[in-house]
Amino acid sequence: MQNTIVAPAVTANKVPFGKWFRETGFRHLIAVVAVAYAAFPILYIVSAALNPSIKTTLTGANKMFSSVSVDNFTELSDTMFWTWFSNTLIIGVTTAIGTVLMGAAAAYAFSRFRFSGRKMTLMSLMVIQMFPQLLTFVAIFLLLTTLGDVFPVLGIDSKLALICVYLGGALGANTFLMYGFFNSIPMELDEAAKIDGASHSQVYWTIIMPLVIPILAVVGLLSFISSFNDFILARTILTSQENWTLAVGMNLWVGGNEKNWDWFAAGSIIAAVPILLLFLFLQKYIVSGLTGGAVKG
């Protein structure tokens, strides 16, 4: 007779529900609550944007997705929304690029060169950043008013003037943010390149810059978001509707006596797209860019 081997029955080790919930389950509950808390405002504004019945009030959007239409989006073509949208993109992209270039150059100089007044300058930048830029909007307005009499392109109601204000306000904080990351790049790389005959500019552009892409992406993203969403400085400097940004122009729709919540809801959805796309494109650099300068080595 052929002997048959019977495998013993395997009994699953079941963890009591109370123990599982205390160790792991509560995390799932917190995650579900957090996702619901974050997703509800998004679903609500999408429902309001697709609801053609809302005009001067959001009451009609309380029943989410009760009516779906793209009328609110098509009506934006009859407003100055797309002009404001293009102004915002121009200002945001230019500010992000300028901030990255200026901050990287300053951080490289403080990290690699030793010169008189270096520590004092770093300390001064840190002290200046303790005061918010919004405290200076009156002084900025008076400065640009006077400067516009000599150079109109840098006066009030100039997008270039607003970009310059953004660049100056963000230089200190971004220099410190990049400075720590530049310090994490070994100096031996610079010395080896110089032995091979490379100049400072060649070391900077061909060796250092490719290694600090994560922090460049983070600084560019933060600069773009801050200038894209800024209201006070943009409202102070830009006076004509043709030069307004989205934050200033869309505030007109809901900040006055006449409300246009339908345009505001639809415009909010479109305005969120550039930031969302940029965030998704740069997300792989965000964590490494923010933590890369924490440890030198």
C-alpha atoms as a PDB file:
ATOM      1  CA  MET A   1       0.000   0.000   0.000  1.00  0.00           C
ATOM      2  CA  GLN A   2       1.156   3.481  -0.838  1.00  0.00           C
ATOM      3  CA  ASN A   3       1.580   5.621   2.219  1.00  0.00           C
ATOM      4  CA  THR A   4      -0.071   9.012   1.996  1.00  0.00           C
ATOM      5  CA  ILE A   5       1.136  11.965   3.979  1.00  0.00           C
ATOM      6  CA  VAL A   6      -1.591  14.176   5.287  1.00  0.00           C
ATOM      7  CA  ALA A   7      -0.481  17.754   5.938  1.00  0.00           C
ATOM      8  CA  PRO A   8      -1.615  19.072   9.265  1.00  0.00           C
ATOM      9  CA  ALA A   9      -4.284  21.705   9.159  1.00  0.00           C
ATOM     10  CA  VAL A  10      -2.896  25.189   9.400  1.00  0.00           C
ATOM     11  CA  THR A  11      -4.848  27.399  11.684  1.00  0.00           C
ATOM     12  CA  ALA A  12      -4.531  31.095  11.201  1.00  0.00           C
ATOM     13  CA  ASN A  13      -3.431  33.061  14.198  1.00  0.00           C
ATOM     14  CA  LYS A  14      -6.179  35.525  14.610  1.00  0.00           C
ATOM     15  CA  VAL A  15      -5.321  38.716  16.484  1.00  0.00           C
ATOM     16  CA  PRO A  16      -8.098  39.971  18.740  1.00  0.00           C
ATOM     17  CA  PHE A  17      -9.855  42.996  17.316  1.00  0.00           C
ATOM     18  CA  GLY A  18      -9.106  45.120  20.354  1.00  0.00           C
ATOM     19  CA  LYS A  19      -5.366  44.468  20.137  1.00  0.00           C
ATOM     20  CA  TRP A  20      -5.338  45.010  16.358  1.00  0.00           C
ATOM     21  CA  PHE A  21      -7.180  48.316  16.712  1.00  0.00           C
ATOM     22  CA  ARG A  22      -4.833  49.579  19.438  1.00  0.00           C
ATOM     23  CA  GLU A  23      -1.706  48.691  17.464  1.00  0.00           C
ATOM     24  CA  THR A  24      -2.704  49.299  13.841  1.00  0.00           C
ATOM     25  CA  GLY A  25      -6.416  49.789  13.274  1.00  0.00           C
ATOM     26  CA  PHE A  26      -6.643  53.292  14.754  1.00  0.00           C
ATOM     27  CA  ARG A  27      -4.199  54.503  12.087  1.00  0.00           C
ATOM     28  CA  HIS A  28      -6.588  53.405   9.347  1.00  0.00           C
ATOM     29  CA  LEU A  29      -9.433  55.230  11.078  1.00  0.00           C
ATOM     30  CA  ILE A  30      -7.392  58.426  11.368  1.00  0.00           C
ATOM     31  CA  ALA A  31      -6.375  58.132   7.699  1.00  0.00           C
ATOM     32  CA  VAL A  32      -9.993  57.745   6.576  1.00  0.00           C
ATOM     33  CA  VAL A  33     -11.067  60.770   8.625  1.00  0.00           C
ATOM     34  CA  ALA A  34      -8.154  62.851   7.286  1.00  0.00           C
ATOM     35  CA  VAL A  35      -8.914  61.932   3.672  1.00  0.00           C
ATOM     36  CA  ALA A  36     -12.614  62.722   4.114  1.00  0.00           C
ATOM     37  CA  TYR A  37     -11.766  66.034   5.811  1.00  0.00           C
ATOM     38  CA  ALA A  38      -9.414  67.010   2.966  1.00  0.00           C
ATOM     39  CA  ALA A  39     -11.601  65.738   0.123  1.00  0.00           C
ATOM     40  CA  PHE A  40     -14.891  67.359   1.149  1.00  0.00           C
ATOM     41  CA  PRO A  41     -13.909  70.985   0.297  1.00  0.00           C
ATOM     42  CA  ILE A  42     -12.557  69.795  -3.062  1.00  0.00           C
ATOM     43  CA  LEU A  43     -15.725  67.900  -3.902  1.00  0.00           C
ATOM     44  CA  TYR A  44     -17.844  70.847  -2.785  1.00  0.00           C
ATOM     45  CA  ILE A  45     -16.069  73.407  -4.972  1.00  0.00           C
ATOM     46  CA  VAL A  46     -16.149  71.010  -7.952  1.00  0.00           C
ATOM     47  CA  SER A  47     -19.892  70.549  -7.398  1.00  0.00           C
ATOM     48  CA  ALA A  48     -20.379  74.313  -7.191  1.00  0.00           C
ATOM     49  CA  ALA A  49     -18.361  74.871 -10.371  1.00  0.00           C
ATOM     50  CA  LEU A  50     -20.511  72.371 -12.260  1.00  0.00           C
ATOM     51  CA  ASN A  51     -23.810  73.719 -10.899  1.00  0.00           C
ATOM     52  CA  PRO A  52     -25.317  76.303 -13.315  1.00  0.00           C
ATOM     53  CA  SER A  53     -27.952  77.441 -10.802  1.00  0.00           C
ATOM     54  CA  ILE A  54     -25.563  79.201  -8.412  1.00  0.00           C
ATOM     55  CA  LYS A  55     -24.991  82.873  -9.118  1.00  0.00           C
ATOM     56  CA  THR A  56     -24.968  85.243  -6.173  1.00  0.00           C
ATOM     57  CA  THR A  57     -25.013  82.566  -3.462  1.00  0.00           C
ATOM     58  CA  LEU A  58     -23.639  79.086  -2.856  1.00  0.00           C
ATOM     59  CA  THR A  59     -26.876  77.814  -1.374  1.00  0.00           C
ATOM     60  CA  GLY A  60     -27.719  75.954  -4.563  1.00  0.00           C
ATOM     61  CA  ALA A  61     -24.535  73.909  -4.205  1.00  0.00           C
ATOM     62  CA  ASN A  62     -25.515  72.406  -0.856  1.00  0.00           C
ATOM     63  CA  LYS A  63     -26.942  69.381  -2.684  1.00  0.00           C
ATOM     64  CA  MET A  64     -23.722  68.214  -4.238  1.00  0.00           C
ATOM     65  CA  PHE A  65     -23.783  67.291  -7.930  1.00  0.00           C
ATOM     66  CA  SER A  66     -27.553  67.811  -8.121  1.00  0.00           C
ATOM     67  CA  SER A  67     -26.981  69.497 -11.475  1.00  0.00           C
ATOM     68  CA  VAL A  68     -23.968  69.132 -13.751  1.00  0.00           C
ATOM     69  CA  SER A  69     -23.060  71.569 -16.527  1.00  0.00           C
ATOM     70  CA  VAL A  70     -20.011  73.388 -17.908  1.00  0.00           C
ATOM     71  CA  ASP A  71     -21.836  76.707 -18.331  1.00  0.00           C
ATOM     72  CA  ASN A  72     -19.859  78.347 -15.529  1.00  0.00           C
ATOM     73  CA  PHE A  73     -16.595  77.493 -17.265  1.00  0.00           C
ATOM     74  CA  THR A  74     -17.702  78.744 -20.664  1.00  0.00           C
ATOM     75  CA  GLU A  75     -18.887  82.038 -19.157  1.00  0.00           C
ATOM     76  CA  LEU A  76     -15.326  82.765 -18.032  1.00  0.00           C
ATOM     77  CA  SER A  77     -14.503  83.641 -21.646  1.00  0.00           C
ATOM     78  CA  ASP A  78     -16.773  86.688 -21.310  1.00  0.00           C
ATOM     79  CA  THR A  79     -14.721  87.970 -18.371  1.00  0.00           C
ATOM     80  CA  MET A  80     -11.075  88.964 -17.925  1.00  0.00           C
ATOM     81  CA  PHE A  81     -10.270  85.639 -16.276  1.00  0.00           C
ATOM     82  CA  TRP A  82      -7.866  84.421 -18.944  1.00  0.00           C
ATOM     83  CA  THR A  83      -6.017  87.751 -18.953  1.00  0.00           C
ATOM     84  CA  TRP A  84      -5.564  87.467 -15.196  1.00  0.00           C
ATOM     85  CA  PHE A  85      -4.599  83.824 -15.598  1.00  0.00           C
ATOM     86  CA  SER A  86      -1.838  84.645 -18.097  1.00  0.00           C
ATOM     87  CA  ASN A  87      -0.580  87.503 -15.908  1.00  0.00           C
ATOM     88  CA  THR A  88      -0.392  85.159 -12.931  1.00  0.00           C
ATOM     89  CA  LEU A  89       1.495  82.511 -14.885  1.00  0.00           C
ATOM     90  CA  ILE A  90       3.976  85.060 -16.243  1.00  0.00           C
ATOM     91  CA  ILE A  91       4.628  86.514 -12.808  1.00  0.00           C
ATOM     92  CA  GLY A  92       4.782  83.104 -11.102  1.00  0.00           C
ATOM     93  CA  VAL A  93       7.094  81.430 -13.627  1.00  0.00           C
ATOM     94  CA  THR A  94       9.421  84.442 -13.879  1.00  0.00           C
ATOM     95  CA  THR A  95       9.593  84.760 -10.092  1.00  0.00           C
ATOM     96  CA  ALA A  96      10.304  81.050  -9.661  1.00  0.00           C
ATOM     97  CA  ILE A  97      13.117  81.059 -12.237  1.00  0.00           C
ATOM     98  CA  GLY A  98      14.636  84.284 -10.916  1.00  0.00           C
ATOM     99  CA  THR A  99      14.445  83.090  -7.314  1.00  0.00           C
ATOM    100  CA  VAL A 100      16.180  79.819  -8.152  1.00  0.00           C
ATOM    101  CA  LEU A 101      18.999  81.520 -10.078  1.00  0.00           C
ATOM    102  CA  MET A 102      19.581  84.274  -7.521  1.00  0.00           C
ATOM    103  CA  GLY A 103      19.280  82.024  -4.488  1.00  0.00           C
ATOM    104  CA  ALA A 104      21.582  79.364  -5.952  1.00  0.00           C
ATOM    105  CA  ALA A 105      24.246  81.927  -6.848  1.00  0.00           C
ATOM    106  CA  ALA A 106      24.130  83.485  -3.370  1.00  0.00           C
ATOM    107  CA  ALA A 107      24.151  80.101  -1.599  1.00  0.00           C
ATOM    108  CA  TYR A 108      27.108  78.913  -3.703  1.00  0.00           C
ATOM    109  CA  ALA A 109      29.089  82.028  -2.836  1.00  0.00           C
ATOM    110  CA  PHE A 110      28.430  81.709   0.905  1.00  0.00           C
ATOM    111  CA  SER A 111      29.117  77.961   0.875  1.00  0.00           C
ATOM    112  CA  ARG A 112      32.289  77.854  -1.231  1.00  0.00           C
ATOM    113  CA  PHE A 113      34.014  81.207  -0.796  1.00  0.00           C
ATOM    114  CA  ARG A 114      35.545  82.750   2.320  1.00  0.00           C
ATOM    115  CA  PHE A 115      35.455  86.539   2.269  1.00  0.00           C
ATOM    116  CA  SER A 116      35.357  89.446   4.680  1.00  0.00           C
ATOM    117  CA  GLY A 117      31.905  90.026   6.161  1.00  0.00           C
ATOM    118  CA  ARG A 118      30.593  86.584   5.221  1.00  0.00           C
ATOM    119  CA  LYS A 119      29.289  85.648   8.663  1.00  0.00           C
ATOM    120  CA  MET A 120      27.878  89.123   9.263  1.00  0.00           C
ATOM    121  CA  THR A 121      26.014  89.032   5.954  1.00  0.00           C
ATOM    122  CA  LEU A 122      24.526  85.622   6.754  1.00  0.00           C
ATOM    123  CA  MET A 123      23.437  86.886  10.154  1.00  0.00           C
ATOM    124  CA  SER A 124      21.920  89.998   8.594  1.00  0.00           C
ATOM    125  CA  LEU A 125      19.916  87.899   6.133  1.00  0.00           C
ATOM    126  CA  MET A 126      18.604  85.784   8.993  1.00  0.00           C
ATOM    127  CA  VAL A 127      17.586  88.827  11.040  1.00  0.00           C
ATOM    128  CA  ILE A 128      15.867  90.483   8.057  1.00  0.00           C
ATOM    129  CA  GLN A 129      13.798  87.350   7.439  1.00  0.00           C
ATOM    130  CA  MET A 130      12.348  87.650  10.950  1.00  0.00           C
ATOM    131  CA  PHE A 131      10.174  90.494   9.682  1.00  0.00           C
ATOM    132  CA  PRO A 132       7.408  89.547   7.219  1.00  0.00           C
ATOM    133  CA  GLN A 133       7.476  91.169   3.810  1.00  0.00           C
ATOM    134  CA  LEU A 134       3.904  92.363   4.337  1.00  0.00           C
ATOM    135  CA  LEU A 135       5.166  94.859   6.916  1.00  0.00           C
ATOM    136  CA  THR A 136       6.889  96.765   4.123  1.00  0.00           C
ATOM    137  CA  PHE A 137       4.049  97.112   1.619  1.00  0.00           C
ATOM    138  CA  VAL A 138       3.544 100.805   2.477  1.00  0.00           C
ATOM    139  CA  ALA A 139       7.263 101.509   2.006  1.00  0.00           C
ATOM    140  CA  ILE A 140       7.248  99.463  -1.210  1.00  0.00           C
ATOM    141  CA  PHE A 141       4.317 101.476  -2.540  1.00  0.00           C
ATOM    142  CA  LEU A 142       6.043 104.792  -1.820  1.00  0.00           C
ATOM    143  CA  LEU A 143       9.328 103.515  -3.271  1.00  0.00           C
ATOM    144  CA  LEU A 144       7.722 102.333  -6.511  1.00  0.00           C
ATOM    145  CA  THR A 145       5.716 105.537  -6.807  1.00  0.00           C
ATOM    146  CA  THR A 146       8.921 107.588  -6.708  1.00  0.00           C
ATOM    147  CA  LEU A 147      10.873 105.129  -8.842  1.00  0.00           C
ATOM    148  CA  GLY A 148       8.143 105.188 -11.484  1.00  0.00           C
ATOM    149  CA  ASP A 149       8.771 108.874 -12.109  1.00  0.00           C
ATOM    150  CA  VAL A 150      12.261 107.985 -13.336  1.00  0.00           C
ATOM    151  CA  PHE A 151      11.767 104.448 -14.675  1.00  0.00           C
ATOM    152  CA  PRO A 152       8.081 103.902 -15.492  1.00  0.00           C
ATOM    153  CA  VAL A 153       8.673 100.212 -16.170  1.00  0.00           C
ATOM    154  CA  LEU A 154       9.542  99.779 -12.474  1.00  0.00           C
ATOM    155  CA  GLY A 155       6.742 101.936 -11.104  1.00  0.00           C
ATOM    156  CA  ILE A 156       3.256 101.288  -9.827  1.00  0.00           C
ATOM    157  CA  ASP A 157       1.050  99.071 -12.019  1.00  0.00           C
ATOM    158  CA  SER A 158       4.044  97.233 -13.465  1.00  0.00           C
ATOM    159  CA  LYS A 159       4.287  93.457 -13.490  1.00  0.00           C
ATOM    160  CA  LEU A 160       8.066  93.742 -13.657  1.00  0.00           C
ATOM    161  CA  ALA A 161       8.059  95.829 -10.471  1.00  0.00           C
ATOM    162  CA  LEU A 162       5.966  93.190  -8.700  1.00  0.00           C
ATOM    163  CA  ILE A 163       8.375  90.472  -9.828  1.00  0.00           C
ATOM    164  CA  CYS A 164      11.318  92.469  -8.473  1.00  0.00           C
ATOM    165  CA  VAL A 165       9.558  92.853  -5.121  1.00  0.00           C
ATOM    166  CA  TYR A 166       8.959  89.108  -4.952  1.00  0.00           C
ATOM    167  CA  LEU A 167      12.585  88.370  -5.841  1.00  0.00           C
ATOM    168  CA  GLY A 168      13.934  90.706  -3.208  1.00  0.00           C
ATOM    169  CA  GLY A 169      11.624  89.419  -0.499  1.00  0.00           C
ATOM    170  CA  ALA A 170      12.413  85.751  -1.096  1.00  0.00           C
ATOM    171  CA  LEU A 171      16.179  86.034  -1.550  1.00  0.00           C
ATOM    172  CA  GLY A 172      17.151  85.795   2.122  1.00  0.00           C
ATOM    173  CA  ALA A 173      15.056  82.774   3.094  1.00  0.00           C
ATOM    174  CA  ASN A 174      15.888  80.856  -0.076  1.00  0.00           C
ATOM    175  CA  THR A 175      19.603  81.580   0.327  1.00  0.00           C
ATOM    176  CA  PHE A 176      19.543  80.007   3.777  1.00  0.00           C
ATOM    177  CA  LEU A 177      17.514  77.048   2.501  1.00  0.00           C
ATOM    178  CA  MET A 178      19.987  76.401  -0.321  1.00  0.00           C
ATOM    179  CA  TYR A 179      23.032  77.181   1.810  1.00  0.00           C
ATOM    180  CA  GLY A 180      22.568  74.072   3.941  1.00  0.00           C
ATOM    181  CA  PHE A 181      22.122  71.893   0.872  1.00  0.00           C
ATOM    182  CA  PHE A 182      25.230  73.317  -0.840  1.00  0.00           C
ATOM    183  CA  ASN A 183      27.246  72.578   2.300  1.00  0.00           C
ATOM    184  CA  SER A 184      26.322  68.894   1.954  1.00  0.00           C
ATOM    185  CA  ILE A 185      28.174  68.726  -1.390  1.00  0.00           C
ATOM    186  CA  PRO A 186      31.803  67.652  -0.721  1.00  0.00           C
ATOM    187  CA  MET A 187      34.417  70.307  -1.421  1.00  0.00           C
ATOM    188  CA  GLU A 188      36.633  67.609  -2.925  1.00  0.00           C
ATOM    189  CA  LEU A 189      34.505  67.720  -6.078  1.00  0.00           C
ATOM    190  CA  ASP A 190      35.336  71.387  -6.579  1.00  0.00           C
ATOM    191  CA  GLU A 191      39.020  70.839  -5.906  1.00  0.00           C
ATOM    192  CA  ALA A 192      39.246  67.903  -8.304  1.00  0.00           C
ATOM    193  CA  ALA A 193      37.577  69.916 -11.063  1.00  0.00           C
ATOM    194  CA  LYS A 194      39.887  72.886 -10.494  1.00  0.00           C
ATOM    195  CA  ILE A 195      42.920  70.602 -10.711  1.00  0.00           C
ATOM    196  CA  ASP A 196      41.639  69.534 -14.132  1.00  0.00           C
ATOM    197  CA  GLY A 197      41.504  73.189 -15.153  1.00  0.00           C
ATOM    198  CA  ALA A 198      37.822  73.995 -14.582  1.00  0.00           C
ATOM    199  CA  SER A 199      36.879  77.569 -13.733  1.00  0.00           C
ATOM    200  CA  HIS A 200      34.445  78.627 -11.006  1.00  0.00           C
ATOM    201  CA  SER A 201      31.645  78.992 -13.529  1.00  0.00           C
ATOM    202  CA  GLN A 202      32.302  75.539 -14.975  1.00  0.00           C
ATOM    203  CA  VAL A 203      32.323  73.990 -11.506  1.00  0.00           C
ATOM    204  CA  TYR A 204      29.091  75.805 -10.671  1.00  0.00           C
ATOM    205  CA  TRP A 205      27.112  74.947 -13.816  1.00  0.00           C
ATOM    206  CA  THR A 206      28.420  71.485 -14.702  1.00  0.00           C
ATOM    207  CA  ILE A 207      29.135  69.918 -11.304  1.00  0.00           C
ATOM    208  CA  ILE A 208      27.312  71.667  -8.480  1.00  0.00           C
ATOM    209  CA  MET A 209      24.018  72.591 -10.146  1.00  0.00           C
ATOM    210  CA  PRO A 210      23.153  69.037 -11.318  1.00  0.00           C
ATOM    211  CA  LEU A 211      23.747  67.797  -7.759  1.00  0.00           C
ATOM    212  CA  VAL A 212      21.439  70.350  -6.129  1.00  0.00           C
ATOM    213  CA  ILE A 213      18.426  69.857  -8.417  1.00  0.00           C
ATOM    214  CA  PRO A 214      16.202  68.726  -5.488  1.00  0.00           C
ATOM    215  CA  ILE A 215      16.611  71.983  -3.576  1.00  0.00           C
ATOM    216  CA  LEU A 216      16.241  73.994  -6.776  1.00  0.00           C
ATOM    217  CA  ALA A 217      12.930  72.245  -7.423  1.00  0.00           C
ATOM    218  CA  VAL A 218      11.710  72.927  -3.886  1.00  0.00           C
ATOM    219  CA  VAL A 219      12.641  76.611  -3.995  1.00  0.00           C
ATOM    220  CA  GLY A 220      11.090  77.022  -7.429  1.00  0.00           C
ATOM    221  CA  LEU A 221       7.871  75.333  -6.308  1.00  0.00           C
ATOM    222  CA  LEU A 222       7.568  77.398  -3.129  1.00  0.00           C
ATOM    223  CA  SER A 223       8.294  80.634  -4.994  1.00  0.00           C
ATOM    224  CA  PHE A 224       5.741  79.840  -7.681  1.00  0.00           C
ATOM    225  CA  ILE A 225       3.030  79.014  -5.148  1.00  0.00           C
ATOM    226  CA  SER A 226       3.673  82.086  -2.995  1.00  0.00           C
ATOM    227  CA  SER A 227       3.624  84.512  -5.937  1.00  0.00           C
ATOM    228  CA  PHE A 228       0.671  82.696  -7.540  1.00  0.00           C
ATOM    229  CA  ASN A 229      -1.445  83.061  -4.385  1.00  0.00           C
ATOM    230  CA  ASP A 230      -0.266  86.471  -3.176  1.00  0.00           C
ATOM    231  CA  PHE A 231      -2.959  89.099  -2.789  1.00  0.00           C
ATOM    232  CA  ILE A 232      -1.780  92.043  -0.679  1.00  0.00           C
ATOM    233  CA  LEU A 233       1.363  93.002  -2.607  1.00  0.00           C
ATOM    234  CA  ALA A 234      -0.288  92.317  -5.965  1.00  0.00           C
ATOM    235  CA  ARG A 235      -3.299  94.428  -4.998  1.00  0.00           C
ATOM    236  CA  THR A 236      -1.037  97.236  -3.775  1.00  0.00           C
ATOM    237  CA  ILE A 237       1.235  97.397  -6.832  1.00  0.00           C
ATOM    238  CA  LEU A 238      -1.095  96.443  -9.694  1.00  0.00           C
ATOM    239  CA  THR A 239      -3.848  99.024 -10.160  1.00  0.00           C
ATOM    240  CA  SER A 240      -5.328  98.351 -13.608  1.00  0.00           C
ATOM    241  CA  GLN A 241      -7.510  95.337 -14.319  1.00  0.00           C
ATOM    242  CA  GLU A 242      -5.424  94.416 -17.361  1.00  0.00           C
ATOM    243  CA  ASN A 243      -2.444  93.750 -15.080  1.00  0.00           C
ATOM    244  CA  TRP A 244      -4.262  92.076 -12.211  1.00  0.00           C
ATOM    245  CA  THR A 245      -3.477  88.546 -11.099  1.00  0.00           C
ATOM    246  CA  LEU A 246      -6.044  85.850 -10.357  1.00  0.00           C
ATOM    247  CA  ALA A 247      -5.983  86.508  -6.618  1.00  0.00           C
ATOM    248  CA  VAL A 248      -6.823  90.178  -7.142  1.00  0.00           C
ATOM    249  CA  GLY A 249      -9.288  89.751  -9.981  1.00  0.00           C
ATOM    250  CA  MET A 250     -11.262  86.864  -8.508  1.00  0.00           C
ATOM    251  CA  ASN A 251     -11.549  88.708  -5.218  1.00  0.00           C
ATOM    252  CA  LEU A 252     -13.519  91.344  -7.139  1.00  0.00           C
ATOM    253  CA  TRP A 253     -16.150  88.726  -7.988  1.00  0.00           C
ATOM    254  CA  VAL A 254     -16.955  87.880  -4.363  1.00  0.00           C
ATOM    255  CA  GLY A 255     -15.533  90.807  -2.388  1.00  0.00           C
ATOM    256  CA  GLY A 256     -17.902  93.518  -3.584  1.00  0.00           C
ATOM    257  CA  ASN A 257     -21.626  94.085  -3.403  1.00  0.00           C
ATOM    258  CA  GLU A 258     -22.268  91.983  -6.502  1.00  0.00           C
ATOM    259  CA  LYS A 259     -21.402  88.330  -6.020  1.00  0.00           C
ATOM    260  CA  ASN A 260     -20.424  85.953  -8.819  1.00  0.00           C
ATOM    261  CA  TRP A 261     -19.864  82.677  -7.051  1.00  0.00           C
ATOM    262  CA  ASP A 262     -20.403  80.725 -10.275  1.00  0.00           C
ATOM    263  CA  TRP A 263     -17.385  82.361 -11.925  1.00  0.00           C
ATOM    264  CA  PHE A 264     -15.399  82.171  -8.718  1.00  0.00           C
ATOM    265  CA  ALA A 265     -15.972  78.419  -8.288  1.00  0.00           C
ATOM    266  CA  ALA A 266     -15.134  77.638 -11.910  1.00  0.00           C
ATOM    267  CA  GLY A 267     -12.081  79.896 -11.851  1.00  0.00           C
ATOM    268  CA  SER A 268     -10.822  78.280  -8.656  1.00  0.00           C
ATOM    269  CA  ILE A 269     -10.784  74.864 -10.301  1.00  0.00           C
ATOM    270  CA  ILE A 270      -8.795  76.151 -13.286  1.00  0.00           C
ATOM    271  CA  ALA A 271      -6.438  78.167 -11.075  1.00  0.00           C
ATOM    272  CA  ALA A 272      -5.556  75.059  -9.059  1.00  0.00           C
ATOM    273  CA  VAL A 273      -4.414  73.119 -12.135  1.00  0.00           C
ATOM    274  CA  PRO A 274      -0.944  74.746 -12.636  1.00  0.00           C
ATOM    275  CA  ILE A 275       0.020  74.290  -8.988  1.00  0.00           C
ATOM    276  CA  LEU A 276      -1.254  70.711  -8.973  1.00  0.00           C
ATOM    277  CA  LEU A 277       0.648  69.805 -12.144  1.00  0.00           C
ATOM    278  CA  LEU A 278       3.847  71.450 -10.922  1.00  0.00           C
ATOM    279  CA  PHE A 279       3.569  69.714  -7.555  1.00  0.00           C
ATOM    280  CA  LEU A 280       3.061  66.309  -9.176  1.00  0.00           C
ATOM    281  CA  PHE A 281       5.976  66.902 -11.545  1.00  0.00           C
ATOM    282  CA  LEU A 282       8.380  67.926  -8.762  1.00  0.00           C
ATOM    283  CA  GLN A 283       7.153  65.684  -5.934  1.00  0.00           C
ATOM    284  CA  LYS A 284      10.086  63.268  -6.246  1.00  0.00           C
ATOM    285  CA  TYR A 285      12.449  66.114  -5.336  1.00  0.00           C
ATOM    286  CA  ILE A 286      10.468  67.623  -2.453  1.00  0.00           C
ATOM    287  CA  VAL A 287      11.435  65.348   0.437  1.00  0.00           C
ATOM    288  CA  SER A 288      15.103  65.065  -0.566  1.00  0.00           C
ATOM    289  CA  GLY A 289      15.258  68.802  -1.229  1.00  0.00           C
ATOM    290  CA  LEU A 290      13.882  69.779   2.167  1.00  0.00           C
ATOM    291  CA  THR A 291      15.962  67.290   4.185  1.00  0.00           C
ATOM    292  CA  GLY A 292      19.134  67.093   2.111  1.00  0.00           C
ATOM    293  CA  GLY A 293      20.849  69.970   3.875  1.00  0.00           C
ATOM    294  CA  ALA A 294      20.012  68.749   7.371  1.00  0.00           C
ATOM    295  CA  VAL A 295      23.112  66.518   7.588  1.00  0.00           C
ATOM    296  CA  LYS A 296      26.463  67.523   6.225  1.00  0.00           C
ATOM    297  CA  GLY A 297      28.457  64.760   4.615  1.00  0.00           C
END
